[in-house]
Amino acid sequence: MSNSYQPNRTHRRRKKRNAGRIGLAGALTGAVGIAAVAAAIVVIRPGDPGGETAEPAPAGQGSATAKRPSVPSPNAGPPINFTTPEGYGYSLAAVEAGTDPQPLRATQAPPSGTTYAYADYVLTNSQRRPVLLDYPADLFMPKEQVPSSARERCMPQAGIPDDMCTLPNHSEITARVDGAKPPIDENGSLLIPAGASYVVRIASDLPVDESVSAEDLRLYVWNARYTSDLTGVELAFPEG
């Protein structure tokens, strides 16, 4: 009878030996896989001593600004300093104003008899640390020189002369001043490096009468983040 159990015991021993071999092979395979992954991480990690150090690339307008030309500091009006409740400091100085059928690259050609208004100013981070990229200045024009079709979009603002209003507009950095570094991306927010200056163009999204002249246009800072007393602060253009 004892012989009748021998095959079963042998079969069990074989199964145990096979299971042990499979377990060992699995462990070795896992160890090799972990080592391979670790090696891959070491190879592709930015800044590894074996390769070049990778710097984070600016995103969005930061990348676009990096391609903007560097220009000498333009002739501008007297700079005015502003500080936000968060402690960000900016200096703004008006450069020039005017009209153009396409003041910014993406601007569509205006209807006949109209054009777009724009103004340029220098935006500077006046602090020794990066600050949020923002565009504090707004463009104003005489209400009577806004076409009737767009006049309902021409909004007056507190602290600005009643005969002036602002149309929907957008701003864009058009140049870096004296080789300033482009904005840096920090967790999805663009920051102006310490001391950097840019030329910013603000242009109306809706057309104005082509009779509008540079002398008709004004730059004001009126947002409560910059002027807590709700009084618009005019950025004076340079004389001459």
C-alpha atoms as a PDB file:
ATOM      1  CA  MET A   1       0.000   0.000   0.000  1.00  0.00           C
ATOM      2  CA  SER A   2       2.858   2.268   0.678  1.00  0.00           C
ATOM      3  CA  ASN A   3       3.851   2.088  -2.969  1.00  0.00           C
ATOM      4  CA  SER A   4       0.423   3.395  -3.981  1.00  0.00           C
ATOM      5  CA  TYR A   5       1.223   6.748  -2.308  1.00  0.00           C
ATOM      6  CA  GLN A   6       4.709   7.172  -3.767  1.00  0.00           C
ATOM      7  CA  PRO A   7       3.624   8.741  -7.078  1.00  0.00           C
ATOM      8  CA  ASN A   8       1.550  11.323  -5.237  1.00  0.00           C
ATOM      9  CA  ARG A   9       4.440  12.308  -2.962  1.00  0.00           C
ATOM     10  CA  THR A  10       6.755  12.534  -5.975  1.00  0.00           C
ATOM     11  CA  HIS A  11       4.213  14.639  -7.806  1.00  0.00           C
ATOM     12  CA  ARG A  12       3.899  16.964  -4.825  1.00  0.00           C
ATOM     13  CA  ARG A  13       7.677  17.349  -4.544  1.00  0.00           C
ATOM     14  CA  ARG A  14       7.897  18.132  -8.254  1.00  0.00           C
ATOM     15  CA  LYS A  15       5.163  20.726  -7.930  1.00  0.00           C
ATOM     16  CA  LYS A  16       6.972  22.332  -4.983  1.00  0.00           C
ATOM     17  CA  ARG A  17      10.294  22.337  -6.866  1.00  0.00           C
ATOM     18  CA  ASN A  18       8.607  23.821  -9.951  1.00  0.00           C
ATOM     19  CA  ALA A  19       6.829  26.453  -7.867  1.00  0.00           C
ATOM     20  CA  GLY A  20      10.120  27.368  -6.245  1.00  0.00           C
ATOM     21  CA  ARG A  21      11.801  27.725  -9.638  1.00  0.00           C
ATOM     22  CA  ILE A  22       8.929  29.860 -10.951  1.00  0.00           C
ATOM     23  CA  GLY A  23       9.015  32.053  -7.846  1.00  0.00           C
ATOM     24  CA  LEU A  24      12.787  32.520  -8.146  1.00  0.00           C
ATOM     25  CA  ALA A  25      12.514  33.308 -11.839  1.00  0.00           C
ATOM     26  CA  GLY A  26       9.739  35.812 -11.140  1.00  0.00           C
ATOM     27  CA  ALA A  27      11.780  37.484  -8.441  1.00  0.00           C
ATOM     28  CA  LEU A  28      14.799  37.728 -10.758  1.00  0.00           C
ATOM     29  CA  THR A  29      12.613  39.096 -13.552  1.00  0.00           C
ATOM     30  CA  GLY A  30      11.118  41.672 -11.189  1.00  0.00           C
ATOM     31  CA  ALA A  31      14.545  42.698  -9.950  1.00  0.00           C
ATOM     32  CA  VAL A  32      15.830  43.077 -13.517  1.00  0.00           C
ATOM     33  CA  GLY A  33      12.707  45.098 -14.445  1.00  0.00           C
ATOM     34  CA  ILE A  34      13.123  47.429 -11.458  1.00  0.00           C
ATOM     35  CA  ALA A  35      16.799  47.886 -12.281  1.00  0.00           C
ATOM     36  CA  ALA A  36      15.928  48.688 -15.893  1.00  0.00           C
ATOM     37  CA  VAL A  37      13.340  51.277 -14.854  1.00  0.00           C
ATOM     38  CA  ALA A  38      15.782  52.835 -12.410  1.00  0.00           C
ATOM     39  CA  ALA A  39      18.426  52.972 -15.117  1.00  0.00           C
ATOM     40  CA  ALA A  40      15.960  54.604 -17.493  1.00  0.00           C
ATOM     41  CA  ILE A  41      15.083  57.237 -14.870  1.00  0.00           C
ATOM     42  CA  VAL A  42      18.748  58.018 -14.346  1.00  0.00           C
ATOM     43  CA  VAL A  43      19.302  58.342 -18.102  1.00  0.00           C
ATOM     44  CA  ILE A  44      16.415  60.685 -18.829  1.00  0.00           C
ATOM     45  CA  ARG A  45      16.453  62.790 -15.660  1.00  0.00           C
ATOM     46  CA  PRO A  46      17.105  66.467 -16.548  1.00  0.00           C
ATOM     47  CA  GLY A  47      20.339  67.833 -15.221  1.00  0.00           C
ATOM     48  CA  ASP A  48      22.124  64.473 -15.066  1.00  0.00           C
ATOM     49  CA  PRO A  49      25.883  65.045 -14.856  1.00  0.00           C
ATOM     50  CA  GLY A  50      26.341  62.929 -17.970  1.00  0.00           C
ATOM     51  CA  GLY A  51      24.334  65.332 -20.155  1.00  0.00           C
ATOM     52  CA  GLU A  52      23.285  68.957 -20.538  1.00  0.00           C
ATOM     53  CA  THR A  53      21.231  70.606 -17.819  1.00  0.00           C
ATOM     54  CA  ALA A  54      17.645  71.087 -18.993  1.00  0.00           C
ATOM     55  CA  GLU A  55      16.044  74.423 -18.145  1.00  0.00           C
ATOM     56  CA  PRO A  56      12.262  74.776 -18.030  1.00  0.00           C
ATOM     57  CA  ALA A  57      11.051  76.412 -21.220  1.00  0.00           C
ATOM     58  CA  PRO A  58       8.751  79.407 -20.841  1.00  0.00           C
ATOM     59  CA  ALA A  59       5.218  78.685 -22.006  1.00  0.00           C
ATOM     60  CA  GLY A  60       2.607  80.715 -23.857  1.00  0.00           C
ATOM     61  CA  GLN A  61       3.521  84.351 -24.248  1.00  0.00           C
ATOM     62  CA  GLY A  62       6.786  83.721 -22.459  1.00  0.00           C
ATOM     63  CA  SER A  63       7.995  81.712 -25.442  1.00  0.00           C
ATOM     64  CA  ALA A  64       6.651  84.314 -27.868  1.00  0.00           C
ATOM     65  CA  THR A  65       8.352  87.141 -25.967  1.00  0.00           C
ATOM     66  CA  ALA A  66      11.680  85.324 -26.140  1.00  0.00           C
ATOM     67  CA  LYS A  67      11.508  85.810 -29.916  1.00  0.00           C
ATOM     68  CA  ARG A  68      10.709  89.505 -29.676  1.00  0.00           C
ATOM     69  CA  PRO A  69      13.533  91.875 -30.619  1.00  0.00           C
ATOM     70  CA  SER A  70      15.591  93.579 -27.969  1.00  0.00           C
ATOM     71  CA  VAL A  71      15.499  97.358 -28.318  1.00  0.00           C
ATOM     72  CA  PRO A  72      17.210 100.230 -26.519  1.00  0.00           C
ATOM     73  CA  SER A  73      15.105 101.993 -23.931  1.00  0.00           C
ATOM     74  CA  PRO A  74      12.649 104.102 -25.969  1.00  0.00           C
ATOM     75  CA  ASN A  75      11.904 107.767 -25.445  1.00  0.00           C
ATOM     76  CA  ALA A  76       9.050 107.803 -22.950  1.00  0.00           C
ATOM     77  CA  GLY A  77       7.138 110.078 -20.656  1.00  0.00           C
ATOM     78  CA  PRO A  78       7.742 110.250 -16.917  1.00  0.00           C
ATOM     79  CA  PRO A  79       7.439 106.810 -15.286  1.00  0.00           C
ATOM     80  CA  ILE A  80       4.822 106.219 -12.609  1.00  0.00           C
ATOM     81  CA  ASN A  81       5.105 103.482  -9.998  1.00  0.00           C
ATOM     82  CA  PHE A  82       2.227 101.275  -8.879  1.00  0.00           C
ATOM     83  CA  THR A  83       1.964  98.614  -6.184  1.00  0.00           C
ATOM     84  CA  THR A  84      -0.778  95.993  -5.923  1.00  0.00           C
ATOM     85  CA  PRO A  85      -2.302  94.652  -2.683  1.00  0.00           C
ATOM     86  CA  GLU A  86      -0.208  91.508  -3.194  1.00  0.00           C
ATOM     87  CA  GLY A  87       2.946  93.605  -3.099  1.00  0.00           C
ATOM     88  CA  TYR A  88       3.779  93.465  -6.815  1.00  0.00           C
ATOM     89  CA  GLY A  89       5.547  96.599  -8.033  1.00  0.00           C
ATOM     90  CA  TYR A  90       5.367  98.010 -11.561  1.00  0.00           C
ATOM     91  CA  SER A  91       6.694 101.094 -13.307  1.00  0.00           C
ATOM     92  CA  LEU A  92       4.853 102.362 -16.402  1.00  0.00           C
ATOM     93  CA  ALA A  93       5.904 105.015 -18.903  1.00  0.00           C
ATOM     94  CA  ALA A  94       3.966 105.980 -22.050  1.00  0.00           C
ATOM     95  CA  VAL A  95       5.865 105.897 -25.365  1.00  0.00           C
ATOM     96  CA  GLU A  96       3.466 106.809 -28.188  1.00  0.00           C
ATOM     97  CA  ALA A  97      -0.083 106.460 -29.492  1.00  0.00           C
ATOM     98  CA  GLY A  98      -1.604 106.316 -32.947  1.00  0.00           C
ATOM     99  CA  THR A  99      -3.837 104.443 -35.362  1.00  0.00           C
ATOM    100  CA  ASP A 100      -3.105 101.538 -37.675  1.00  0.00           C
ATOM    101  CA  PRO A 101      -5.218  99.142 -39.774  1.00  0.00           C
ATOM    102  CA  GLN A 102      -3.324  96.244 -38.171  1.00  0.00           C
ATOM    103  CA  PRO A 103      -1.619  97.405 -34.973  1.00  0.00           C
ATOM    104  CA  LEU A 104      -1.021  93.800 -33.892  1.00  0.00           C
ATOM    105  CA  ARG A 105      -0.315  90.811 -36.106  1.00  0.00           C
ATOM    106  CA  ALA A 106      -3.671  89.068 -35.601  1.00  0.00           C
ATOM    107  CA  THR A 107      -5.781  92.201 -36.113  1.00  0.00           C
ATOM    108  CA  GLN A 108      -8.297  91.931 -38.944  1.00  0.00           C
ATOM    109  CA  ALA A 109      -8.527  94.722 -41.496  1.00  0.00           C
ATOM    110  CA  PRO A 110     -11.127  97.300 -40.367  1.00  0.00           C
ATOM    111  CA  PRO A 111     -14.133  98.424 -42.451  1.00  0.00           C
ATOM    112  CA  SER A 112     -13.654 101.304 -44.848  1.00  0.00           C
ATOM    113  CA  GLY A 113     -13.418 104.681 -43.141  1.00  0.00           C
ATOM    114  CA  THR A 114     -12.263 103.187 -39.831  1.00  0.00           C
ATOM    115  CA  THR A 115      -9.030 102.062 -38.249  1.00  0.00           C
ATOM    116  CA  TYR A 116      -7.745 100.763 -34.912  1.00  0.00           C
ATOM    117  CA  ALA A 117      -6.315 102.808 -32.066  1.00  0.00           C
ATOM    118  CA  TYR A 118      -3.223 101.742 -30.164  1.00  0.00           C
ATOM    119  CA  ALA A 119      -0.672 102.962 -27.649  1.00  0.00           C
ATOM    120  CA  ASP A 120       2.763 101.735 -26.589  1.00  0.00           C
ATOM    121  CA  TYR A 121       4.215 101.911 -23.104  1.00  0.00           C
ATOM    122  CA  VAL A 122       7.148 100.515 -21.164  1.00  0.00           C
ATOM    123  CA  LEU A 123       6.240  98.037 -18.446  1.00  0.00           C
ATOM    124  CA  THR A 124       8.962  97.403 -15.840  1.00  0.00           C
ATOM    125  CA  ASN A 125       9.187  95.114 -12.847  1.00  0.00           C
ATOM    126  CA  SER A 126      10.442  97.617 -10.296  1.00  0.00           C
ATOM    127  CA  GLN A 127      11.265  94.987  -7.692  1.00  0.00           C
ATOM    128  CA  ARG A 128      14.168  92.643  -7.032  1.00  0.00           C
ATOM    129  CA  ARG A 129      11.972  89.557  -7.335  1.00  0.00           C
ATOM    130  CA  PRO A 130       9.714  88.233 -10.105  1.00  0.00           C
ATOM    131  CA  VAL A 131       6.207  89.701 -10.235  1.00  0.00           C
ATOM    132  CA  LEU A 132       3.056  88.605 -12.046  1.00  0.00           C
ATOM    133  CA  LEU A 133       2.885  89.646 -15.691  1.00  0.00           C
ATOM    134  CA  ASP A 134      -0.028  92.070 -15.892  1.00  0.00           C
ATOM    135  CA  TYR A 135      -1.047  94.953 -18.139  1.00  0.00           C
ATOM    136  CA  PRO A 136      -2.226  97.809 -15.895  1.00  0.00           C
ATOM    137  CA  ALA A 137      -2.730 100.516 -18.567  1.00  0.00           C
ATOM    138  CA  ASP A 138      -5.955 101.022 -20.529  1.00  0.00           C
ATOM    139  CA  LEU A 139      -6.483 102.900 -23.791  1.00  0.00           C
ATOM    140  CA  PHE A 140      -9.042 105.726 -23.956  1.00  0.00           C
ATOM    141  CA  MET A 141     -10.347 107.717 -26.902  1.00  0.00           C
ATOM    142  CA  PRO A 142     -12.995 110.450 -27.425  1.00  0.00           C
ATOM    143  CA  LYS A 143     -16.459 108.891 -27.325  1.00  0.00           C
ATOM    144  CA  GLU A 144     -17.592 111.024 -30.274  1.00  0.00           C
ATOM    145  CA  GLN A 145     -14.972 109.412 -32.513  1.00  0.00           C
ATOM    146  CA  VAL A 146     -16.187 105.891 -31.913  1.00  0.00           C
ATOM    147  CA  PRO A 147     -18.506 104.669 -34.714  1.00  0.00           C
ATOM    148  CA  SER A 148     -22.166 104.529 -33.681  1.00  0.00           C
ATOM    149  CA  SER A 149     -22.169 100.751 -34.263  1.00  0.00           C
ATOM    150  CA  ALA A 150     -19.573 100.329 -31.496  1.00  0.00           C
ATOM    151  CA  ARG A 151     -20.488 103.216 -29.212  1.00  0.00           C
ATOM    152  CA  GLU A 152     -22.505 101.021 -26.854  1.00  0.00           C
ATOM    153  CA  ARG A 153     -19.294  99.084 -26.197  1.00  0.00           C
ATOM    154  CA  CYS A 154     -17.415 102.281 -25.351  1.00  0.00           C
ATOM    155  CA  MET A 155     -17.310 102.261 -21.558  1.00  0.00           C
ATOM    156  CA  PRO A 156     -16.558 105.313 -19.389  1.00  0.00           C
ATOM    157  CA  GLN A 157     -14.679 104.714 -16.155  1.00  0.00           C
ATOM    158  CA  ALA A 158     -14.673 106.415 -12.791  1.00  0.00           C
ATOM    159  CA  GLY A 159     -11.961 109.032 -12.481  1.00  0.00           C
ATOM    160  CA  ILE A 160     -11.607 109.471 -16.286  1.00  0.00           C
ATOM    161  CA  PRO A 161     -12.992 112.543 -18.155  1.00  0.00           C
ATOM    162  CA  ASP A 162     -16.625 111.937 -19.147  1.00  0.00           C
ATOM    163  CA  ASP A 163     -15.983 112.499 -22.850  1.00  0.00           C
ATOM    164  CA  MET A 164     -13.413 109.659 -22.935  1.00  0.00           C
ATOM    165  CA  CYS A 165     -14.144 105.944 -22.988  1.00  0.00           C
ATOM    166  CA  THR A 166     -12.399 102.630 -23.561  1.00  0.00           C
ATOM    167  CA  LEU A 167     -13.283  99.957 -26.104  1.00  0.00           C
ATOM    168  CA  PRO A 168     -12.597  96.246 -25.715  1.00  0.00           C
ATOM    169  CA  ASN A 169      -8.882  95.819 -26.314  1.00  0.00           C
ATOM    170  CA  HIS A 170      -5.957  93.505 -25.759  1.00  0.00           C
ATOM    171  CA  SER A 171      -2.298  93.943 -24.909  1.00  0.00           C
ATOM    172  CA  GLU A 172       0.823  92.235 -26.162  1.00  0.00           C
ATOM    173  CA  ILE A 173       4.546  92.490 -25.517  1.00  0.00           C
ATOM    174  CA  THR A 174       6.192  93.691 -28.734  1.00  0.00           C
ATOM    175  CA  ALA A 175       9.828  94.092 -27.633  1.00  0.00           C
ATOM    176  CA  ARG A 176      12.236  93.439 -24.794  1.00  0.00           C
ATOM    177  CA  VAL A 177      14.107  96.486 -23.510  1.00  0.00           C
ATOM    178  CA  ASP A 178      17.900  96.296 -23.260  1.00  0.00           C
ATOM    179  CA  GLY A 179      17.983  92.518 -23.595  1.00  0.00           C
ATOM    180  CA  ALA A 180      15.487  91.811 -20.804  1.00  0.00           C
ATOM    181  CA  LYS A 181      14.762  88.148 -20.200  1.00  0.00           C
ATOM    182  CA  PRO A 182      11.320  86.898 -21.280  1.00  0.00           C
ATOM    183  CA  PRO A 183       8.599  86.108 -18.747  1.00  0.00           C
ATOM    184  CA  ILE A 184       9.086  82.901 -16.797  1.00  0.00           C
ATOM    185  CA  ASP A 185       6.438  80.243 -16.278  1.00  0.00           C
ATOM    186  CA  GLU A 186       5.796  79.338 -12.655  1.00  0.00           C
ATOM    187  CA  ASN A 187       3.059  76.748 -12.219  1.00  0.00           C
ATOM    188  CA  GLY A 188       1.121  78.137 -15.159  1.00  0.00           C
ATOM    189  CA  SER A 189       1.508  81.822 -14.233  1.00  0.00           C
ATOM    190  CA  LEU A 190       3.797  84.135 -16.194  1.00  0.00           C
ATOM    191  CA  LEU A 191       6.138  86.296 -14.121  1.00  0.00           C
ATOM    192  CA  ILE A 192       8.310  89.252 -15.110  1.00  0.00           C
ATOM    193  CA  PRO A 193      11.905  88.676 -14.007  1.00  0.00           C
ATOM    194  CA  ALA A 194      13.343  91.146 -11.517  1.00  0.00           C
ATOM    195  CA  GLY A 195      14.122  94.468 -13.181  1.00  0.00           C
ATOM    196  CA  ALA A 196      12.959  93.376 -16.658  1.00  0.00           C
ATOM    197  CA  SER A 197      11.316  95.910 -18.987  1.00  0.00           C
ATOM    198  CA  TYR A 198       9.112  95.306 -22.012  1.00  0.00           C
ATOM    199  CA  VAL A 199       7.435  97.468 -24.630  1.00  0.00           C
ATOM    200  CA  VAL A 200       3.711  96.701 -24.469  1.00  0.00           C
ATOM    201  CA  ARG A 201       1.202  97.605 -27.171  1.00  0.00           C
ATOM    202  CA  ILE A 202      -2.465  97.932 -26.284  1.00  0.00           C
ATOM    203  CA  ALA A 203      -4.831  98.035 -29.273  1.00  0.00           C
ATOM    204  CA  SER A 204      -8.577  98.383 -29.621  1.00  0.00           C
ATOM    205  CA  ASP A 205     -10.470  95.295 -30.778  1.00  0.00           C
ATOM    206  CA  LEU A 206     -13.195  97.434 -32.326  1.00  0.00           C
ATOM    207  CA  PRO A 207     -12.515 100.092 -34.968  1.00  0.00           C
ATOM    208  CA  VAL A 208     -12.595 103.850 -34.476  1.00  0.00           C
ATOM    209  CA  ASP A 209     -13.064 106.661 -37.004  1.00  0.00           C
ATOM    210  CA  GLU A 210      -9.983 107.081 -39.139  1.00  0.00           C
ATOM    211  CA  SER A 211     -10.011 110.775 -38.198  1.00  0.00           C
ATOM    212  CA  VAL A 212      -8.746 109.870 -34.706  1.00  0.00           C
ATOM    213  CA  SER A 213      -5.276 111.329 -34.144  1.00  0.00           C
ATOM    214  CA  ALA A 214      -2.519 110.440 -31.716  1.00  0.00           C
ATOM    215  CA  GLU A 215      -3.350 113.566 -29.726  1.00  0.00           C
ATOM    216  CA  ASP A 216      -6.869 112.236 -29.129  1.00  0.00           C
ATOM    217  CA  LEU A 217      -5.673 109.068 -27.385  1.00  0.00           C
ATOM    218  CA  ARG A 218      -4.823 108.674 -23.719  1.00  0.00           C
ATOM    219  CA  LEU A 219      -3.372 105.999 -21.465  1.00  0.00           C
ATOM    220  CA  TYR A 220      -4.832 105.649 -17.967  1.00  0.00           C
ATOM    221  CA  VAL A 221      -4.367 103.270 -15.068  1.00  0.00           C
ATOM    222  CA  TRP A 222      -7.733 103.091 -13.320  1.00  0.00           C
ATOM    223  CA  ASN A 223      -8.178  99.538 -11.971  1.00  0.00           C
ATOM    224  CA  ALA A 224      -8.698  99.463  -8.206  1.00  0.00           C
ATOM    225  CA  ARG A 225      -5.780  97.028  -7.817  1.00  0.00           C
ATOM    226  CA  TYR A 226      -3.474  99.900  -8.770  1.00  0.00           C
ATOM    227  CA  THR A 227      -5.418 103.012  -7.734  1.00  0.00           C
ATOM    228  CA  SER A 228      -7.263 102.378  -4.508  1.00  0.00           C
ATOM    229  CA  ASP A 229      -8.896 105.819  -4.522  1.00  0.00           C
ATOM    230  CA  LEU A 230     -10.685 105.016  -7.844  1.00  0.00           C
ATOM    231  CA  THR A 231      -9.017 107.961  -9.565  1.00  0.00           C
ATOM    232  CA  GLY A 232      -7.605 107.323 -13.013  1.00  0.00           C
ATOM    233  CA  VAL A 233      -3.898 108.053 -13.318  1.00  0.00           C
ATOM    234  CA  GLU A 234      -2.826 109.317 -16.731  1.00  0.00           C
ATOM    235  CA  LEU A 235       0.456 108.185 -18.273  1.00  0.00           C
ATOM    236  CA  ALA A 236       1.828 111.227 -20.069  1.00  0.00           C
ATOM    237  CA  PHE A 237       3.411 110.761 -23.479  1.00  0.00           C
ATOM    238  CA  PRO A 238       6.848 112.283 -24.112  1.00  0.00           C
ATOM    239  CA  GLU A 239       6.876 115.816 -25.429  1.00  0.00           C
ATOM    240  CA  GLY A 240       7.975 116.519 -28.941  1.00  0.00           C
END
